[in-house]
């Protein structure tokens, strides 16, 4: 060995999050022939629908609004059983999409991005993960959604609940 640091391969993009937005970005960037890696904290796809598995969880808009429109075949083969689907059905749909388009092969599960630093001299992003990986990409796309970190309100007496 020469003692030089072995640098990771430069990716076109790193997407953070494998919910609906992250999977869509992965699919579209792949279609354009770009090299993409998705980093996901959970152990599978789904985003908020993966994490929130409480009784009665369901969407508050018509299920059709959750359907991806980038594939006519996907739209024709999937039938929502309810107008306002429950969490397990929405999760089943996003798993179906991940399987149909073989999206999991470019997703690193059980991993969080711990730092994302833009290197102005190289015009690229350097990201570090909870597993100790270093990823380098031209683009860093945050697809973590608005439910990725809880906000605990400062309410008097909150500790009683």
C-alpha atoms as a PDB file:
ATOM      1  CA  UNK A   1       0.000   0.000   0.000  1.00  0.00           C
ATOM      2  CA  UNK A   2       1.170   3.487  -0.747  1.00  0.00           C
ATOM      3  CA  UNK A   3      -0.423   4.931   2.377  1.00  0.00           C
ATOM      4  CA  UNK A   4      -2.810   7.036   0.297  1.00  0.00           C
ATOM      5  CA  UNK A   5      -6.410   7.213   1.417  1.00  0.00           C
ATOM      6  CA  UNK A   6      -8.728   5.105  -0.738  1.00  0.00           C
ATOM      7  CA  UNK A   7     -11.544   7.429  -1.718  1.00  0.00           C
ATOM      8  CA  UNK A   8     -15.075   6.148  -2.259  1.00  0.00           C
ATOM      9  CA  UNK A   9     -16.538   6.121  -5.753  1.00  0.00           C
ATOM     10  CA  UNK A  10     -18.165   9.438  -6.687  1.00  0.00           C
ATOM     11  CA  UNK A  11     -21.914   8.919  -7.025  1.00  0.00           C
ATOM     12  CA  UNK A  12     -24.201  11.190  -8.971  1.00  0.00           C
ATOM     13  CA  UNK A  13     -26.603  11.410  -6.021  1.00  0.00           C
ATOM     14  CA  UNK A  14     -27.241  10.243  -2.485  1.00  0.00           C
ATOM     15  CA  UNK A  15     -30.879  10.294  -1.398  1.00  0.00           C
ATOM     16  CA  UNK A  16     -31.613  10.343   2.327  1.00  0.00           C
ATOM     17  CA  UNK A  17     -34.872   8.533   3.110  1.00  0.00           C
ATOM     18  CA  UNK A  18     -36.739   5.623   1.493  1.00  0.00           C
ATOM     19  CA  UNK A  19     -40.314   6.802   1.848  1.00  0.00           C
ATOM     20  CA  UNK A  20     -42.518   7.807  -1.078  1.00  0.00           C
ATOM     21  CA  UNK A  21     -40.295  10.755  -2.096  1.00  0.00           C
ATOM     22  CA  UNK A  22     -37.018   8.896  -1.718  1.00  0.00           C
ATOM     23  CA  UNK A  23     -38.181   5.924  -3.780  1.00  0.00           C
ATOM     24  CA  UNK A  24     -39.523   8.244  -6.461  1.00  0.00           C
ATOM     25  CA  UNK A  25     -36.180  10.060  -6.644  1.00  0.00           C
ATOM     26  CA  UNK A  26     -34.288   6.770  -6.848  1.00  0.00           C
ATOM     27  CA  UNK A  27     -36.491   5.545  -9.691  1.00  0.00           C
ATOM     28  CA  UNK A  28     -36.322   8.816 -11.680  1.00  0.00           C
ATOM     29  CA  UNK A  29     -32.568   9.262 -11.276  1.00  0.00           C
ATOM     30  CA  UNK A  30     -31.979   5.661 -12.325  1.00  0.00           C
ATOM     31  CA  UNK A  31     -34.131   6.273 -15.420  1.00  0.00           C
ATOM     32  CA  UNK A  32     -31.723   9.069 -16.328  1.00  0.00           C
ATOM     33  CA  UNK A  33     -28.789   6.679 -16.042  1.00  0.00           C
ATOM     34  CA  UNK A  34     -27.377   8.249 -12.882  1.00  0.00           C
ATOM     35  CA  UNK A  35     -25.590   6.386 -10.084  1.00  0.00           C
ATOM     36  CA  UNK A  36     -27.656   6.657  -6.896  1.00  0.00           C
ATOM     37  CA  UNK A  37     -27.475   5.367  -3.330  1.00  0.00           C
ATOM     38  CA  UNK A  38     -30.319   5.761  -0.837  1.00  0.00           C
ATOM     39  CA  UNK A  39     -29.573   5.828   2.889  1.00  0.00           C
ATOM     40  CA  UNK A  40     -32.508   4.829   5.117  1.00  0.00           C
ATOM     41  CA  UNK A  41     -32.655   4.748   8.927  1.00  0.00           C
ATOM     42  CA  UNK A  42     -35.341   2.051   8.984  1.00  0.00           C
ATOM     43  CA  UNK A  43     -34.952  -1.601   8.107  1.00  0.00           C
ATOM     44  CA  UNK A  44     -37.215  -1.350   5.056  1.00  0.00           C
ATOM     45  CA  UNK A  45     -38.968   1.106   2.745  1.00  0.00           C
ATOM     46  CA  UNK A  46     -42.023   3.134   3.656  1.00  0.00           C
ATOM     47  CA  UNK A  47     -40.945   6.246   5.528  1.00  0.00           C
ATOM     48  CA  UNK A  48     -43.704   7.433   7.824  1.00  0.00           C
ATOM     49  CA  UNK A  49     -45.780   4.371   6.882  1.00  0.00           C
ATOM     50  CA  UNK A  50     -42.933   2.099   8.030  1.00  0.00           C
ATOM     51  CA  UNK A  51     -42.454   3.861  11.373  1.00  0.00           C
ATOM     52  CA  UNK A  52     -46.065   4.614  12.338  1.00  0.00           C
ATOM     53  CA  UNK A  53     -47.760   1.272  12.967  1.00  0.00           C
ATOM     54  CA  UNK A  54     -50.255   2.235  15.638  1.00  0.00           C
ATOM     55  CA  UNK A  55     -53.863   0.941  15.618  1.00  0.00           C
ATOM     56  CA  UNK A  56     -56.113   2.906  13.291  1.00  0.00           C
ATOM     57  CA  UNK A  57     -53.336   4.604  11.296  1.00  0.00           C
ATOM     58  CA  UNK A  58     -54.612   5.482   7.835  1.00  0.00           C
ATOM     59  CA  UNK A  59     -54.359   8.198   5.215  1.00  0.00           C
ATOM     60  CA  UNK A  60     -56.547  11.276   5.363  1.00  0.00           C
ATOM     61  CA  UNK A  61     -56.646  11.750   1.598  1.00  0.00           C
ATOM     62  CA  UNK A  62     -57.960   9.371  -1.043  1.00  0.00           C
ATOM     63  CA  UNK A  63     -55.629   6.416  -1.497  1.00  0.00           C
ATOM     64  CA  UNK A  64     -55.295   7.112  -5.224  1.00  0.00           C
ATOM     65  CA  UNK A  65     -53.332  10.244  -4.297  1.00  0.00           C
ATOM     66  CA  UNK A  66     -50.603   7.934  -2.960  1.00  0.00           C
ATOM     67  CA  UNK A  67     -50.249   6.174  -6.306  1.00  0.00           C
ATOM     68  CA  UNK A  68     -47.178   6.910  -8.375  1.00  0.00           C
ATOM     69  CA  UNK A  69     -48.022   8.158 -11.862  1.00  0.00           C
ATOM     70  CA  UNK A  70     -44.661   7.406 -13.522  1.00  0.00           C
ATOM     71  CA  UNK A  71     -45.771   3.927 -14.650  1.00  0.00           C
ATOM     72  CA  UNK A  72     -49.024   3.230 -16.459  1.00  0.00           C
ATOM     73  CA  UNK A  73     -48.515  -0.498 -15.829  1.00  0.00           C
ATOM     74  CA  UNK A  74     -48.180   0.091 -12.079  1.00  0.00           C
ATOM     75  CA  UNK A  75     -51.320   2.229 -12.064  1.00  0.00           C
ATOM     76  CA  UNK A  76     -53.305  -0.435 -13.907  1.00  0.00           C
ATOM     77  CA  UNK A  77     -52.177  -3.400 -11.811  1.00  0.00           C
ATOM     78  CA  UNK A  78     -52.714  -1.867  -8.345  1.00  0.00           C
ATOM     79  CA  UNK A  79     -56.219  -1.604  -6.914  1.00  0.00           C
ATOM     80  CA  UNK A  80     -56.745   0.187  -3.615  1.00  0.00           C
ATOM     81  CA  UNK A  81     -59.258  -1.780  -1.492  1.00  0.00           C
ATOM     82  CA  UNK A  82     -60.510   1.334   0.341  1.00  0.00           C
ATOM     83  CA  UNK A  83     -60.924   4.991  -0.521  1.00  0.00           C
ATOM     84  CA  UNK A  84     -58.937   5.949   2.611  1.00  0.00           C
ATOM     85  CA  UNK A  85     -56.480   3.086   3.062  1.00  0.00           C
ATOM     86  CA  UNK A  86     -55.048   1.923   6.359  1.00  0.00           C
ATOM     87  CA  UNK A  87     -51.323   1.918   7.162  1.00  0.00           C
ATOM     88  CA  UNK A  88     -50.716  -1.779   6.372  1.00  0.00           C
ATOM     89  CA  UNK A  89     -52.237  -1.356   2.901  1.00  0.00           C
ATOM     90  CA  UNK A  90     -50.170   1.748   2.124  1.00  0.00           C
ATOM     91  CA  UNK A  91     -47.056  -0.078   3.303  1.00  0.00           C
ATOM     92  CA  UNK A  92     -48.028  -3.052   1.115  1.00  0.00           C
ATOM     93  CA  UNK A  93     -48.247  -0.693  -1.885  1.00  0.00           C
ATOM     94  CA  UNK A  94     -44.841   0.912  -1.333  1.00  0.00           C
ATOM     95  CA  UNK A  95     -43.278  -2.544  -0.838  1.00  0.00           C
ATOM     96  CA  UNK A  96     -44.907  -3.641  -4.108  1.00  0.00           C
ATOM     97  CA  UNK A  97     -43.338  -0.641  -5.869  1.00  0.00           C
ATOM     98  CA  UNK A  98     -39.912  -1.351  -4.330  1.00  0.00           C
ATOM     99  CA  UNK A  99     -40.138  -4.975  -5.510  1.00  0.00           C
ATOM    100  CA  UNK A 100     -41.493  -4.198  -8.982  1.00  0.00           C
ATOM    101  CA  UNK A 101     -38.697  -1.737  -9.776  1.00  0.00           C
ATOM    102  CA  UNK A 102     -35.981  -3.573  -7.787  1.00  0.00           C
ATOM    103  CA  UNK A 103     -35.319  -0.449  -5.729  1.00  0.00           C
ATOM    104  CA  UNK A 104     -33.891  -2.144  -2.627  1.00  0.00           C
ATOM    105  CA  UNK A 105     -30.619  -3.006  -4.379  1.00  0.00           C
ATOM    106  CA  UNK A 106     -29.592   0.660  -4.158  1.00  0.00           C
ATOM    107  CA  UNK A 107     -30.782   1.269  -0.584  1.00  0.00           C
ATOM    108  CA  UNK A 108     -28.626   0.965   2.527  1.00  0.00           C
ATOM    109  CA  UNK A 109     -31.044   0.178   5.367  1.00  0.00           C
ATOM    110  CA  UNK A 110     -30.517   0.657   9.086  1.00  0.00           C
ATOM    111  CA  UNK A 111     -28.234   3.613   8.450  1.00  0.00           C
ATOM    112  CA  UNK A 112     -28.415   7.330   9.226  1.00  0.00           C
ATOM    113  CA  UNK A 113     -26.487  10.153   7.617  1.00  0.00           C
ATOM    114  CA  UNK A 114     -24.622  11.768  10.511  1.00  0.00           C
ATOM    115  CA  UNK A 115     -22.960  14.549   8.520  1.00  0.00           C
ATOM    116  CA  UNK A 116     -23.353  16.087   5.075  1.00  0.00           C
ATOM    117  CA  UNK A 117     -20.680  18.591   4.121  1.00  0.00           C
ATOM    118  CA  UNK A 118     -20.425  20.377   0.792  1.00  0.00           C
ATOM    119  CA  UNK A 119     -16.854  20.546  -0.490  1.00  0.00           C
ATOM    120  CA  UNK A 120     -16.715  23.753  -2.520  1.00  0.00           C
ATOM    121  CA  UNK A 121     -13.274  22.976  -3.940  1.00  0.00           C
ATOM    122  CA  UNK A 122     -14.467  19.655  -5.407  1.00  0.00           C
ATOM    123  CA  UNK A 123     -18.118  20.715  -5.963  1.00  0.00           C
ATOM    124  CA  UNK A 124     -19.452  17.617  -4.241  1.00  0.00           C
ATOM    125  CA  UNK A 125     -21.097  16.398  -1.055  1.00  0.00           C
ATOM    126  CA  UNK A 126     -19.249  14.274   1.475  1.00  0.00           C
ATOM    127  CA  UNK A 127     -21.576  12.315   3.735  1.00  0.00           C
ATOM    128  CA  UNK A 128     -20.762  10.189   6.753  1.00  0.00           C
ATOM    129  CA  UNK A 129     -23.084   7.514   8.094  1.00  0.00           C
ATOM    130  CA  UNK A 130     -23.831   5.868  11.414  1.00  0.00           C
ATOM    131  CA  UNK A 131     -22.082   2.746  10.087  1.00  0.00           C
ATOM    132  CA  UNK A 132     -18.864   4.628   9.442  1.00  0.00           C
ATOM    133  CA  UNK A 133     -19.287   4.848   5.669  1.00  0.00           C
ATOM    134  CA  UNK A 134     -18.146   7.847   3.676  1.00  0.00           C
ATOM    135  CA  UNK A 135     -20.239   8.648   0.609  1.00  0.00           C
ATOM    136  CA  UNK A 136     -19.312  11.237  -1.996  1.00  0.00           C
ATOM    137  CA  UNK A 137     -21.848  12.580  -4.500  1.00  0.00           C
ATOM    138  CA  UNK A 138     -22.541  15.495  -6.807  1.00  0.00           C
ATOM    139  CA  UNK A 139     -25.996  15.870  -5.278  1.00  0.00           C
ATOM    140  CA  UNK A 140     -27.448  15.245  -1.812  1.00  0.00           C
ATOM    141  CA  UNK A 141     -31.238  14.937  -1.832  1.00  0.00           C
ATOM    142  CA  UNK A 142     -33.036  15.067   1.495  1.00  0.00           C
ATOM    143  CA  UNK A 143     -36.232  13.023   1.257  1.00  0.00           C
ATOM    144  CA  UNK A 144     -36.763  12.657   4.997  1.00  0.00           C
ATOM    145  CA  UNK A 145     -40.169  14.294   5.165  1.00  0.00           C
ATOM    146  CA  UNK A 146     -41.659  16.377   7.921  1.00  0.00           C
ATOM    147  CA  UNK A 147     -42.201  13.465  10.324  1.00  0.00           C
ATOM    148  CA  UNK A 148     -38.576  12.362  10.607  1.00  0.00           C
ATOM    149  CA  UNK A 149     -37.903  13.846  14.033  1.00  0.00           C
ATOM    150  CA  UNK A 150     -40.383  14.405  16.845  1.00  0.00           C
ATOM    151  CA  UNK A 151     -41.039  17.805  18.346  1.00  0.00           C
ATOM    152  CA  UNK A 152     -42.028  17.587  21.990  1.00  0.00           C
ATOM    153  CA  UNK A 153     -44.010  20.670  23.022  1.00  0.00           C
ATOM    154  CA  UNK A 154     -43.033  22.536  26.183  1.00  0.00           C
ATOM    155  CA  UNK A 155     -46.339  22.233  28.035  1.00  0.00           C
ATOM    156  CA  UNK A 156     -46.655  22.617  31.773  1.00  0.00           C
ATOM    157  CA  UNK A 157     -47.484  19.239  33.318  1.00  0.00           C
ATOM    158  CA  UNK A 158     -46.409  17.224  30.246  1.00  0.00           C
ATOM    159  CA  UNK A 159     -44.548  14.792  32.508  1.00  0.00           C
ATOM    160  CA  UNK A 160     -47.871  13.573  33.928  1.00  0.00           C
ATOM    161  CA  UNK A 161     -48.844  12.008  30.604  1.00  0.00           C
END
